[in-house]
């Protein structure tokens, strides 16, 4: 580690020395003029929307391990804080963010560690739309990569600047414990329609102002799918991926199960309160 640090410091110092070195009189040509660098044009501000690199604090909804994870498996995250634009909530606390396992391999012989790469894909907005995320601030261009180094080492989470992946090393397997908190970032400027969010904001406030339903009136609904790893949406709100168990209040609920490359599965159920329900969604491939 010390050797690597010395190499980095040496490289930085060398660059500084070279940049300060003046050309000799012999090499200097009077007729040469230095072209002024064209200043970068600032991006026009969004009238209403999420700016690139807006932080989204999320936590992992379940423990992930290279021991049993599978490539293509969906990973659920929960948003920890409301995100507002002009005092209007556009991403609600408790909303879902979704990731995808891109590589998974358990520990192997000869002491070789396992592999676990997870892509942070997107977060759901209050209006039901999705906004792409990435794990590194400024990851598209990368001037912030060096600045991330201290935070990466301190948190023991390794981010790859080329794509939103992260790892958490634990012995010979790679494990990310449930509840692990990370910050993702909005991948690009995203204009939004304020009319949709003003209405949704009022709905959110009215729901949160109501007393929480008692545990005895809630019903546990187990939702599975074939194949699994499909997104579950209940009453227009993304709640996780299959297989999952969700708690629903009494009344009528519309449940949709979606997976890329398959037809949407949808059912409307009536929950009477208490007990448990099981739903199995068999997804048909698109032609």
Protein backbone atom coordinates (compact mmCIF):
# COMPACT_ATOMS: atom_id res chain seq x y z
CA UNK A 1 0.00 0.00 0.00
CA UNK A 2 2.82 2.42 0.90
CA UNK A 3 4.63 1.58 -2.33
CA UNK A 4 1.48 2.25 -4.38
CA UNK A 5 0.93 5.56 -2.58
CA UNK A 6 4.54 6.62 -3.25
CA UNK A 7 4.17 5.76 -6.92
CA UNK A 8 0.98 7.87 -7.19
CA UNK A 9 2.57 10.82 -5.34
CA UNK A 10 5.69 10.59 -7.51
CA UNK A 11 3.56 10.57 -10.66
CA UNK A 12 1.59 13.63 -9.55
CA UNK A 13 4.76 15.53 -8.59
CA UNK A 14 6.39 14.64 -11.90
CA UNK A 15 3.38 15.96 -13.80
CA UNK A 16 3.48 19.23 -11.88
CA UNK A 17 7.22 19.71 -12.54
CA UNK A 18 6.81 19.02 -16.23
CA UNK A 19 3.89 21.41 -16.53
CA UNK A 20 5.92 24.20 -14.91
CA UNK A 21 8.97 23.68 -17.11
CA UNK A 22 9.48 26.67 -19.45
CA UNK A 23 10.58 26.23 -23.06
CA UNK A 24 14.14 27.29 -23.80
CA UNK A 25 14.86 30.35 -25.94
CA UNK A 26 16.25 28.04 -28.60
CA UNK A 27 12.93 26.25 -28.99
CA UNK A 28 10.79 29.33 -28.71
CA UNK A 29 9.45 30.73 -32.01
CA UNK A 30 8.44 34.40 -32.04
CA UNK A 31 5.78 33.90 -34.69
CA UNK A 32 3.94 31.29 -32.64
CA UNK A 33 0.81 32.39 -30.82
CA UNK A 34 -0.90 30.40 -28.13
CA UNK A 35 -4.46 29.68 -29.04
CA UNK A 36 -6.82 30.52 -26.21
CA UNK A 37 -8.66 27.51 -24.92
CA UNK A 38 -12.34 27.56 -25.76
CA UNK A 39 -14.18 27.78 -22.44
CA UNK A 40 -16.62 24.97 -21.79
CA UNK A 41 -20.18 26.09 -22.29
CA UNK A 42 -22.16 25.74 -19.06
CA UNK A 43 -25.20 23.52 -19.26
CA UNK A 44 -28.47 25.45 -19.19
CA UNK A 45 -30.25 24.97 -15.85
CA UNK A 46 -33.28 22.72 -15.75
CA UNK A 47 -36.59 24.50 -15.37
CA UNK A 48 -37.78 21.58 -13.24
CA UNK A 49 -35.95 18.28 -12.89
CA UNK A 50 -33.06 16.32 -11.43
CA UNK A 51 -29.58 17.48 -12.30
CA UNK A 52 -26.78 15.07 -13.18
CA UNK A 53 -24.88 13.88 -10.08
CA UNK A 54 -27.78 14.58 -7.71
CA UNK A 55 -27.04 12.22 -4.79
CA UNK A 56 -29.53 9.48 -3.91
CA UNK A 57 -28.87 7.81 -0.56
CA UNK A 58 -29.93 4.17 -0.59
CA UNK A 59 -29.54 1.03 1.50
CA UNK A 60 -29.45 -2.63 0.52
CA UNK A 61 -32.71 -4.45 1.28
CA UNK A 62 -31.12 -7.90 1.75
CA UNK A 63 -27.70 -9.45 2.22
CA UNK A 64 -25.93 -10.32 -1.01
CA UNK A 65 -23.11 -12.86 -1.24
CA UNK A 66 -20.98 -14.26 -4.02
CA UNK A 67 -21.75 -17.65 -2.48
CA UNK A 68 -25.31 -17.81 -3.81
CA UNK A 69 -25.91 -14.75 -6.03
CA UNK A 70 -26.61 -15.30 -9.72
CA UNK A 71 -25.81 -13.13 -12.73
CA UNK A 72 -28.94 -11.30 -13.88
CA UNK A 73 -30.49 -11.38 -10.40
CA UNK A 74 -32.30 -8.20 -9.38
CA UNK A 75 -31.20 -6.41 -6.21
CA UNK A 76 -33.48 -4.16 -4.14
CA UNK A 77 -32.38 -0.92 -2.50
CA UNK A 78 -34.46 1.47 -0.39
CA UNK A 79 -34.21 5.25 -0.64
CA UNK A 80 -33.26 6.80 2.71
CA UNK A 81 -34.23 10.45 2.18
CA UNK A 82 -36.77 12.46 0.20
CA UNK A 83 -35.36 14.25 -2.82
CA UNK A 84 -37.07 17.54 -3.59
CA UNK A 85 -37.07 19.91 -6.53
CA UNK A 86 -38.31 23.39 -5.52
CA UNK A 87 -39.83 21.94 -2.33
CA UNK A 88 -41.71 19.27 -4.32
CA UNK A 89 -40.92 15.64 -3.47
CA UNK A 90 -39.86 13.81 -6.65
CA UNK A 91 -38.19 10.79 -5.01
CA UNK A 92 -39.86 9.66 -1.81
CA UNK A 93 -38.19 8.20 1.27
CA UNK A 94 -38.82 4.44 1.15
CA UNK A 95 -38.98 4.32 -2.65
CA UNK A 96 -37.23 1.47 -4.42
CA UNK A 97 -34.00 1.57 -6.38
CA UNK A 98 -33.07 -1.48 -8.42
CA UNK A 99 -29.71 -3.02 -9.24
CA UNK A 100 -28.63 -6.06 -11.25
CA UNK A 101 -25.98 -8.68 -10.50
CA UNK A 102 -23.67 -8.61 -13.51
CA UNK A 103 -21.13 -11.16 -12.27
CA UNK A 104 -21.27 -13.69 -9.44
CA UNK A 105 -18.87 -16.48 -8.60
CA UNK A 106 -18.36 -18.24 -5.25
CA UNK A 107 -14.91 -18.69 -3.74
CA UNK A 108 -12.85 -21.30 -5.56
CA UNK A 109 -10.01 -23.68 -4.91
CA UNK A 110 -6.43 -22.59 -4.34
CA UNK A 111 -7.64 -19.73 -2.12
CA UNK A 112 -9.13 -17.73 -4.98
CA UNK A 113 -11.76 -15.26 -3.79
CA UNK A 114 -15.26 -15.07 -5.19
CA UNK A 115 -16.59 -12.38 -7.49
CA UNK A 116 -19.66 -10.20 -7.09
CA UNK A 117 -20.43 -7.20 -9.29
CA UNK A 118 -23.69 -5.28 -8.93
CA UNK A 119 -24.92 -2.57 -11.26
CA UNK A 120 -27.08 0.19 -9.71
CA UNK A 121 -29.69 0.70 -12.42
CA UNK A 122 -32.36 3.23 -11.49
CA UNK A 123 -34.64 4.73 -8.84
CA UNK A 124 -38.40 5.14 -9.07
CA UNK A 125 -39.88 8.63 -8.94
CA UNK A 126 -43.11 9.59 -7.19
CA UNK A 127 -44.93 9.62 -10.54
CA UNK A 128 -43.85 6.04 -11.27
CA UNK A 129 -41.18 6.89 -13.85
CA UNK A 130 -37.60 5.64 -13.50
CA UNK A 131 -34.36 7.64 -13.46
CA UNK A 132 -31.02 5.94 -14.29
CA UNK A 133 -28.39 5.99 -11.54
CA UNK A 134 -24.66 5.39 -11.31
CA UNK A 135 -22.44 4.75 -8.30
CA UNK A 136 -19.72 7.32 -9.03
CA UNK A 137 -20.18 11.07 -9.09
CA UNK A 138 -19.01 12.38 -12.43
CA UNK A 139 -18.56 8.80 -13.64
CA UNK A 140 -19.33 9.69 -17.25
CA UNK A 141 -16.25 11.87 -17.58
CA UNK A 142 -14.20 10.99 -14.61
CA UNK A 143 -12.48 14.08 -13.15
CA UNK A 144 -13.85 13.06 -9.75
CA UNK A 145 -12.32 9.58 -9.68
CA UNK A 146 -9.25 10.59 -7.69
CA UNK A 147 -11.33 12.53 -5.19
CA UNK A 148 -13.35 9.39 -4.50
CA UNK A 149 -10.31 7.40 -3.34
CA UNK A 150 -10.39 8.46 0.31
CA UNK A 151 -14.11 7.74 0.65
CA UNK A 152 -13.70 4.37 -1.06
CA UNK A 153 -10.97 3.23 1.34
CA UNK A 154 -12.78 4.56 4.41
CA UNK A 155 -16.05 2.81 3.61
CA UNK A 156 -14.45 -0.44 2.39
CA UNK A 157 -16.64 -0.21 -0.70
CA UNK A 158 -14.88 -0.34 -4.05
CA UNK A 159 -16.42 1.62 -6.91
CA UNK A 160 -15.40 1.25 -10.52
CA UNK A 161 -15.49 4.59 -12.36
CA UNK A 162 -16.26 3.02 -15.74
CA UNK A 163 -19.61 1.63 -14.53
CA UNK A 164 -21.72 1.70 -11.36
CA UNK A 165 -20.40 -1.47 -9.71
CA UNK A 166 -19.37 -2.06 -6.12
CA UNK A 167 -17.91 -4.87 -3.99
CA UNK A 168 -17.62 -5.58 -0.28
CA UNK A 169 -14.86 -8.07 0.57
CA UNK A 170 -15.44 -10.50 3.43
CA UNK A 171 -12.91 -13.33 3.76
CA UNK A 172 -12.79 -15.43 0.64
CA UNK A 173 -16.40 -14.67 -0.29
CA UNK A 174 -17.70 -11.24 -1.22
CA UNK A 175 -20.63 -10.15 0.91
CA UNK A 176 -22.71 -6.98 1.07
CA UNK A 177 -24.69 -7.01 4.35
CA UNK A 178 -28.35 -6.00 4.47
CA UNK A 179 -28.68 -2.34 5.40
CA UNK A 180 -25.38 -1.30 3.80
CA UNK A 181 -25.77 2.36 2.90
CA UNK A 182 -24.30 3.85 -0.26
CA UNK A 183 -24.83 6.98 -2.32
CA UNK A 184 -25.78 6.66 -5.96
CA UNK A 185 -26.00 9.59 -8.37
CA UNK A 186 -28.41 10.63 -11.09
CA UNK A 187 -26.72 9.63 -14.34
CA UNK A 188 -27.82 12.60 -16.47
CA UNK A 189 -29.90 15.78 -16.41
CA UNK A 190 -33.53 14.65 -16.26
CA UNK A 191 -36.30 17.17 -17.04
CA UNK A 192 -39.56 16.46 -15.21
CA UNK A 193 -43.16 17.60 -15.57
CA UNK A 194 -44.00 19.59 -12.42
CA UNK A 195 -47.75 19.02 -12.86
CA UNK A 196 -47.34 15.29 -12.25
CA UNK A 197 -45.38 15.83 -9.05
CA UNK A 198 -47.55 18.57 -7.59
CA UNK A 199 -50.49 16.18 -7.67
CA UNK A 200 -48.42 13.26 -6.41
CA UNK A 201 -46.91 15.39 -3.65
CA UNK A 202 -50.37 16.15 -2.27
CA UNK A 203 -51.19 12.44 -2.36
CA UNK A 204 -47.98 11.58 -0.54
CA UNK A 205 -48.71 14.13 2.17
CA UNK A 206 -52.25 12.83 2.66
CA UNK A 207 -51.04 9.25 2.99
CA UNK A 208 -48.26 10.06 5.44
CA UNK A 209 -50.63 12.13 7.57
CA UNK A 210 -52.83 9.10 8.22
CA UNK A 211 -52.08 6.86 11.22
CA UNK A 212 -50.29 3.67 10.25
CA UNK A 213 -52.40 0.57 9.91
CA UNK A 214 -52.07 -1.89 12.76
CA UNK A 215 -50.04 -5.02 12.15
CA UNK A 216 -53.10 -7.21 12.71
CA UNK A 217 -54.98 -5.61 9.80
CA UNK A 218 -52.11 -6.12 7.35
CA UNK A 219 -51.88 -9.17 5.12
CA UNK A 220 -48.63 -10.77 3.99
CA UNK A 221 -48.61 -11.42 0.25
CA UNK A 222 -45.88 -13.70 -1.12
CA UNK A 223 -45.22 -12.90 -4.76
CA UNK A 224 -43.13 -15.25 -6.90
CA UNK A 225 -42.57 -15.51 -10.62
CA UNK A 226 -41.24 -17.89 -13.23
CA UNK A 227 -38.60 -16.83 -14.11
CA UNK A 228 -37.78 -14.87 -10.97
CA UNK A 229 -36.05 -11.49 -10.79
CA UNK A 230 -39.10 -9.63 -12.10
CA UNK A 231 -40.18 -6.21 -10.88
CA UNK A 232 -43.24 -6.01 -8.63
CA UNK A 233 -45.47 -2.94 -8.88
CA UNK A 234 -48.46 -2.54 -6.54
CA UNK A 235 -50.97 0.24 -7.20
CA UNK A 236 -48.42 1.95 -9.43
CA UNK A 237 -45.57 1.83 -6.92
CA UNK A 238 -42.47 -0.31 -7.35
CA UNK A 239 -42.07 -2.43 -4.21
CA UNK A 240 -39.28 -4.86 -5.09
CA UNK A 241 -38.45 -7.87 -7.20
CA UNK A 242 -39.57 -11.49 -7.17
CA UNK A 243 -39.55 -13.41 -4.95
CA UNK A 244 -40.72 -10.99 -2.26
CA UNK A 245 -43.17 -10.80 0.63
CA UNK A 246 -45.09 -7.54 0.93
CA UNK A 247 -47.53 -6.27 3.57
CA UNK A 248 -50.81 -4.91 2.20
CA UNK A 249 -53.67 -3.05 3.87
CA UNK A 250 -57.26 -4.29 3.48
CA UNK A 251 -58.89 -3.33 0.19
CA UNK A 252 -58.37 -3.75 -3.51
CA UNK A 253 -54.84 -3.75 -4.95
CA UNK A 254 -53.52 -4.08 -8.49
CA UNK A 255 -50.32 -6.11 -8.73
CA UNK A 256 -48.12 -6.09 -11.83
CA UNK A 257 -45.07 -8.27 -12.47
CA UNK A 258 -42.69 -7.16 -15.23
CA UNK A 259 -39.50 -8.59 -16.66
CA UNK A 260 -37.63 -7.53 -19.78
CA UNK A 261 -38.38 -9.86 -22.68
CA UNK A 262 -41.65 -11.12 -21.14
CA UNK A 263 -45.31 -10.08 -21.23
CA UNK A 264 -46.60 -8.18 -18.23
CA UNK A 265 -48.51 -10.24 -15.65
CA UNK A 266 -51.24 -8.36 -13.78
CA UNK A 267 -53.87 -9.26 -11.21
CA UNK A 268 -56.30 -7.30 -9.03
CA UNK A 269 -56.82 -8.82 -5.58
CA UNK A 270 -58.96 -7.93 -2.58
CA UNK A 271 -57.25 -8.09 0.80
CA UNK A 272 -59.56 -8.63 3.76
CA UNK A 273 -56.97 -8.21 6.53
CA UNK A 274 -54.83 -10.70 8.39
CA UNK A 275 -53.63 -14.04 7.06
CA UNK A 276 -51.36 -14.59 4.10
CA UNK A 277 -51.72 -14.85 0.34
CA UNK A 278 -49.51 -16.51 -2.28
CA UNK A 279 -49.26 -15.32 -5.87
CA UNK A 280 -47.33 -17.18 -8.55
CA UNK A 281 -46.83 -15.30 -11.80
CA UNK A 282 -45.88 -17.38 -14.84
CA UNK A 283 -44.40 -14.99 -17.38
CA UNK A 284 -44.80 -15.64 -21.11
CA UNK A 285 -41.97 -14.67 -23.45
CA UNK A 286 -42.60 -11.94 -25.97
CA UNK A 287 -42.77 -13.15 -29.59
